[in-house]
N, C-alpha and C. Protein backbone atom coordinates (compact mmCIF):
# COMPACT_ATOMS: atom_id res chain seq x y z
N MET A 1 -19.72 3.66 -13.74
CA MET A 1 -20.39 2.42 -13.20
C MET A 1 -19.79 1.13 -13.61
N HIS A 2 -19.62 0.35 -12.06
CA HIS A 2 -19.07 -0.81 -12.19
C HIS A 2 -19.48 -1.95 -11.86
N GLY A 3 -20.34 -2.72 -12.85
CA GLY A 3 -20.81 -3.50 -12.73
C GLY A 3 -21.42 -3.76 -11.81
N ALA A 4 -21.63 -5.11 -11.43
CA ALA A 4 -23.09 -6.01 -10.51
C ALA A 4 -23.56 -6.04 -9.18
N PHE A 5 -22.47 -5.30 -8.81
CA PHE A 5 -22.28 -4.39 -7.39
C PHE A 5 -22.88 -3.16 -7.03
N ARG A 6 -23.06 -2.66 -8.51
CA ARG A 6 -23.73 -1.42 -8.75
C ARG A 6 -24.52 -1.89 -7.56
N ALA A 7 -25.23 -0.12 -6.46
CA ALA A 7 -25.83 0.03 -5.37
C ALA A 7 -27.14 -0.15 -5.79
N GLN A 8 -27.36 0.80 -6.94
CA GLN A 8 -29.14 0.28 -7.99
C GLN A 8 -29.71 -1.04 -8.31
N ARG A 9 -29.00 -2.16 -8.46
CA ARG A 9 -29.52 -3.13 -8.57
C ARG A 9 -30.62 -3.33 -7.27
N PHE A 10 -31.77 -3.56 -7.76
CA PHE A 10 -33.28 -4.25 -6.45
C PHE A 10 -33.20 -3.30 -5.52
N GLY A 11 -32.62 -2.59 -6.17
CA GLY A 11 -33.07 -0.93 -4.63
C GLY A 11 -31.57 -1.80 -3.46
N ALA A 12 -30.81 -2.01 -3.43
CA ALA A 12 -30.00 -2.57 -2.82
C ALA A 12 -29.83 -1.19 -1.57
N CYS A 13 -29.66 -1.66 -0.63
CA CYS A 13 -28.59 -0.46 0.55
C CYS A 13 -27.57 0.04 -0.15
N LYS A 14 -27.12 1.30 -0.24
CA LYS A 14 -25.96 1.98 -0.89
C LYS A 14 -25.22 2.96 -0.18
N LEU A 15 -23.89 2.90 -0.01
CA LEU A 15 -23.00 3.13 0.47
C LEU A 15 -21.98 3.40 -0.43
N LYS A 16 -21.93 4.63 0.38
CA LYS A 16 -20.86 5.60 0.25
C LYS A 16 -19.98 6.09 -0.32
N VAL A 17 -18.16 4.73 -0.82
CA VAL A 17 -17.42 4.47 -1.04
C VAL A 17 -16.43 5.48 -1.31
N LYS A 18 -15.06 6.13 -1.52
CA LYS A 18 -14.37 7.29 -2.70
C LYS A 18 -13.05 6.13 -2.51
N VAL A 19 -13.49 5.33 -4.13
CA VAL A 19 -12.40 5.19 -4.68
C VAL A 19 -11.55 6.16 -5.38
N ASN A 20 -10.07 5.64 -5.07
CA ASN A 20 -9.17 6.84 -6.28
C ASN A 20 -9.54 8.18 -6.36
N GLY A 21 -10.62 8.69 -5.40
CA GLY A 21 -10.66 9.73 -5.07
C GLY A 21 -12.22 10.31 -5.47
N LYS A 22 -12.92 9.39 -5.86
CA LYS A 22 -14.21 9.61 -6.69
C LYS A 22 -15.02 9.32 -6.25
N VAL A 23 -16.37 9.66 -5.39
CA VAL A 23 -17.39 9.11 -4.51
C VAL A 23 -18.17 7.94 -5.21
N GLU A 24 -18.24 6.85 -5.03
CA GLU A 24 -19.21 5.78 -6.16
C GLU A 24 -19.98 4.92 -4.80
N ASP A 25 -21.59 4.55 -5.26
CA ASP A 25 -22.49 3.91 -4.64
C ASP A 25 -21.96 2.19 -5.29
N VAL A 26 -21.84 1.61 -3.66
CA VAL A 26 -21.91 0.79 -3.54
C VAL A 26 -23.25 -0.23 -2.68
N ALA A 27 -23.20 -1.57 -2.90
CA ALA A 27 -24.03 -2.40 -2.57
C ALA A 27 -23.70 -2.38 -1.18
N ALA A 28 -24.12 -3.16 -0.22
CA ALA A 28 -23.92 -2.94 1.28
C ALA A 28 -23.34 -4.10 1.06
N GLY A 29 -22.61 -4.58 2.19
CA GLY A 29 -22.13 -6.72 1.90
C GLY A 29 -21.05 -6.44 0.89
N THR A 30 -20.49 -5.83 -0.56
CA THR A 30 -19.61 -5.66 -0.96
C THR A 30 -18.00 -5.95 -0.73
N THR A 31 -17.86 -6.85 -1.07
CA THR A 31 -16.14 -7.33 -0.58
C THR A 31 -14.83 -7.25 -1.61
N ILE A 32 -13.68 -6.26 -1.60
CA ILE A 32 -13.00 -6.12 -1.78
C ILE A 32 -13.15 -6.71 -3.08
N LEU A 33 -12.27 -8.08 -2.92
CA LEU A 33 -12.60 -9.12 -4.20
C LEU A 33 -13.96 -8.79 -4.73
N GLN A 34 -14.88 -8.40 -4.79
CA GLN A 34 -15.82 -8.57 -6.00
C GLN A 34 -16.58 -7.01 -5.92
N TYR A 35 -15.71 -6.08 -5.40
CA TYR A 35 -15.67 -4.29 -5.99
C TYR A 35 -14.47 -4.46 -7.34
N VAL A 36 -13.48 -5.25 -7.08
CA VAL A 36 -12.98 -5.08 -7.61
C VAL A 36 -12.53 -6.30 -9.25
N GLU A 37 -13.21 -7.04 -9.24
CA GLU A 37 -13.89 -7.39 -10.00
C GLU A 37 -15.19 -7.03 -10.96
N SER A 38 -15.38 -6.70 -10.52
CA SER A 38 -16.75 -6.04 -10.71
C SER A 38 -15.68 -4.59 -11.50
N ALA A 39 -15.17 -3.93 -11.10
CA ALA A 39 -14.89 -3.10 -11.97
C ALA A 39 -13.19 -3.13 -12.52
N GLY A 40 -13.13 -4.45 -13.46
CA GLY A 40 -12.97 -4.90 -14.21
C GLY A 40 -10.52 -5.29 -13.96
N TYR A 41 -10.61 -4.98 -12.58
CA TYR A 41 -9.09 -5.22 -12.17
C TYR A 41 -8.69 -6.29 -12.27
N ARG A 42 -7.39 -7.22 -12.59
CA ARG A 42 -6.77 -8.49 -12.44
C ARG A 42 -5.85 -7.77 -11.14
N VAL A 43 -6.71 -8.39 -10.64
CA VAL A 43 -6.21 -8.96 -8.61
C VAL A 43 -4.95 -9.50 -9.00
N ASP A 44 -4.19 -10.36 -9.76
CA ASP A 44 -3.06 -10.41 -9.26
C ASP A 44 -2.33 -8.87 -9.22
N ARG A 45 -2.66 -8.05 -10.46
CA ARG A 45 -1.55 -6.70 -10.76
C ARG A 45 -1.97 -5.79 -9.99
N ILE A 46 -2.67 -5.81 -8.87
CA ILE A 46 -2.79 -4.57 -8.35
C ILE A 46 -2.90 -3.97 -6.65
N ALA A 47 -2.39 -3.31 -5.74
CA ALA A 47 -2.71 -3.30 -4.50
C ALA A 47 -3.36 -2.52 -4.11
N VAL A 48 -4.22 -2.81 -2.94
CA VAL A 48 -5.27 -1.66 -2.49
C VAL A 48 -5.34 -1.59 -0.98
N GLU A 49 -5.15 -0.34 -0.79
CA GLU A 49 -5.59 0.68 0.33
C GLU A 49 -6.61 1.09 0.86
N VAL A 50 -7.66 0.81 2.02
CA VAL A 50 -8.54 1.05 2.89
C VAL A 50 -7.89 2.13 3.87
N ASN A 51 -8.75 2.98 4.42
CA ASN A 51 -8.37 3.81 4.92
C ASN A 51 -6.90 4.03 5.58
N ARG A 52 -5.98 3.86 4.24
CA ARG A 52 -4.49 4.49 4.61
C ARG A 52 -4.03 2.88 4.85
N ASN A 53 -4.74 2.04 4.96
CA ASN A 53 -4.32 0.94 5.12
C ASN A 53 -4.14 -0.33 4.26
N ILE A 54 -3.12 -1.35 3.42
CA ILE A 54 -2.92 -1.62 3.01
C ILE A 54 -3.02 -3.03 3.22
N VAL A 55 -4.20 -3.82 2.54
CA VAL A 55 -5.45 -4.88 2.50
C VAL A 55 -4.46 -6.22 1.75
N PRO A 56 -3.79 -6.71 2.92
CA PRO A 56 -3.03 -8.15 2.61
C PRO A 56 -3.91 -8.54 0.95
N LYS A 57 -3.62 -9.14 -0.04
CA LYS A 57 -4.32 -10.06 -1.44
C LYS A 57 -5.02 -10.93 -0.05
N SER A 58 -5.08 -11.49 0.03
CA SER A 58 -4.99 -13.16 0.88
C SER A 58 -6.30 -13.04 1.40
N THR A 59 -6.36 -11.70 2.02
CA THR A 59 -8.56 -10.96 2.77
C THR A 59 -8.49 -10.04 1.93
N TYR A 60 -9.05 -10.09 0.93
CA TYR A 60 -10.06 -9.08 -0.42
C TYR A 60 -11.14 -9.60 0.32
N ALA A 61 -11.36 -10.78 -0.46
CA ALA A 61 -12.65 -11.83 -0.28
C ALA A 61 -13.76 -11.62 0.97
N ASN A 62 -12.74 -11.15 2.22
CA ASN A 62 -13.05 -11.84 3.53
C ASN A 62 -13.43 -10.17 4.58
N VAL A 63 -12.46 -9.12 3.80
CA VAL A 63 -12.96 -7.65 3.97
C VAL A 63 -13.96 -6.62 2.70
N GLY A 64 -15.21 -6.36 3.84
CA GLY A 64 -15.81 -5.67 3.58
C GLY A 64 -15.84 -4.16 3.82
N LEU A 65 -16.37 -3.51 2.28
CA LEU A 65 -16.00 -2.21 2.20
C LEU A 65 -17.63 -1.52 2.91
N HIS A 66 -16.87 -0.59 3.72
CA HIS A 66 -18.27 0.48 4.98
C HIS A 66 -18.46 1.37 4.22
N ASP A 67 -19.15 2.20 4.75
CA ASP A 67 -19.71 3.55 4.68
C ASP A 67 -19.18 4.75 4.79
N GLY A 68 -18.62 5.12 4.03
CA GLY A 68 -17.35 5.99 4.14
C GLY A 68 -16.12 6.65 3.93
N ASP A 69 -16.12 4.60 3.59
CA ASP A 69 -14.42 4.16 3.73
C ASP A 69 -13.46 4.73 1.91
N SER A 70 -12.48 4.92 2.31
CA SER A 70 -12.01 5.88 1.57
C SER A 70 -10.78 4.06 0.99
N VAL A 71 -11.01 4.43 -0.07
CA VAL A 71 -10.42 2.75 -0.76
C VAL A 71 -8.91 3.43 -2.41
N GLU A 72 -8.39 3.22 -2.34
CA GLU A 72 -7.17 3.34 -3.24
C GLU A 72 -6.49 1.96 -4.05
N ILE A 73 -6.35 2.24 -5.60
CA ILE A 73 -6.12 1.21 -5.75
C ILE A 73 -5.16 1.48 -7.18
N VAL A 74 -4.31 0.68 -6.89
CA VAL A 74 -3.03 0.59 -7.97
C VAL A 74 -2.93 -0.19 -8.48
N SER A 75 -2.41 -0.27 -9.75
CA SER A 75 -2.41 -1.14 -10.60
C SER A 75 -0.87 -0.89 -11.32
N PHE A 76 -0.24 -2.02 -11.17
CA PHE A 76 1.79 -2.04 -11.85
C PHE A 76 1.44 -2.82 -12.83
N CYS A 77 2.37 -2.03 -13.69
CA CYS A 77 2.22 -2.41 -15.21
C CYS A 77 4.17 -2.78 -15.37
N GLY A 78 4.25 -3.48 -16.09
CA GLY A 78 5.39 -3.86 -16.55
C GLY A 78 5.93 -2.70 -17.96
N GLY A 79 7.40 -2.52 -17.87
CA GLY A 79 7.74 -2.20 -18.48
C GLY A 79 9.66 -1.95 -18.87
N GLY A 80 10.12 -1.35 -19.36
CA GLY A 80 11.30 -1.36 -19.54
C GLY A 80 12.26 -0.73 -20.12
């Protein structure tokens, strides 16, 4: 379960979105920024692709998720 934007809240309209291969219910109107923050990702350390298109970080707050979207979230980690 991924925080405040889960569709079960208040009977909100549910969307089916595939995130990293797993189908999830999210509330209608959820943006990429809202989803990744509620899922615990650090926005400065990820890249997001929706339906095979890379989404610029500067647009996360403006891009909404839609029923049937396929989302891939890749986390970056340092090392040596």
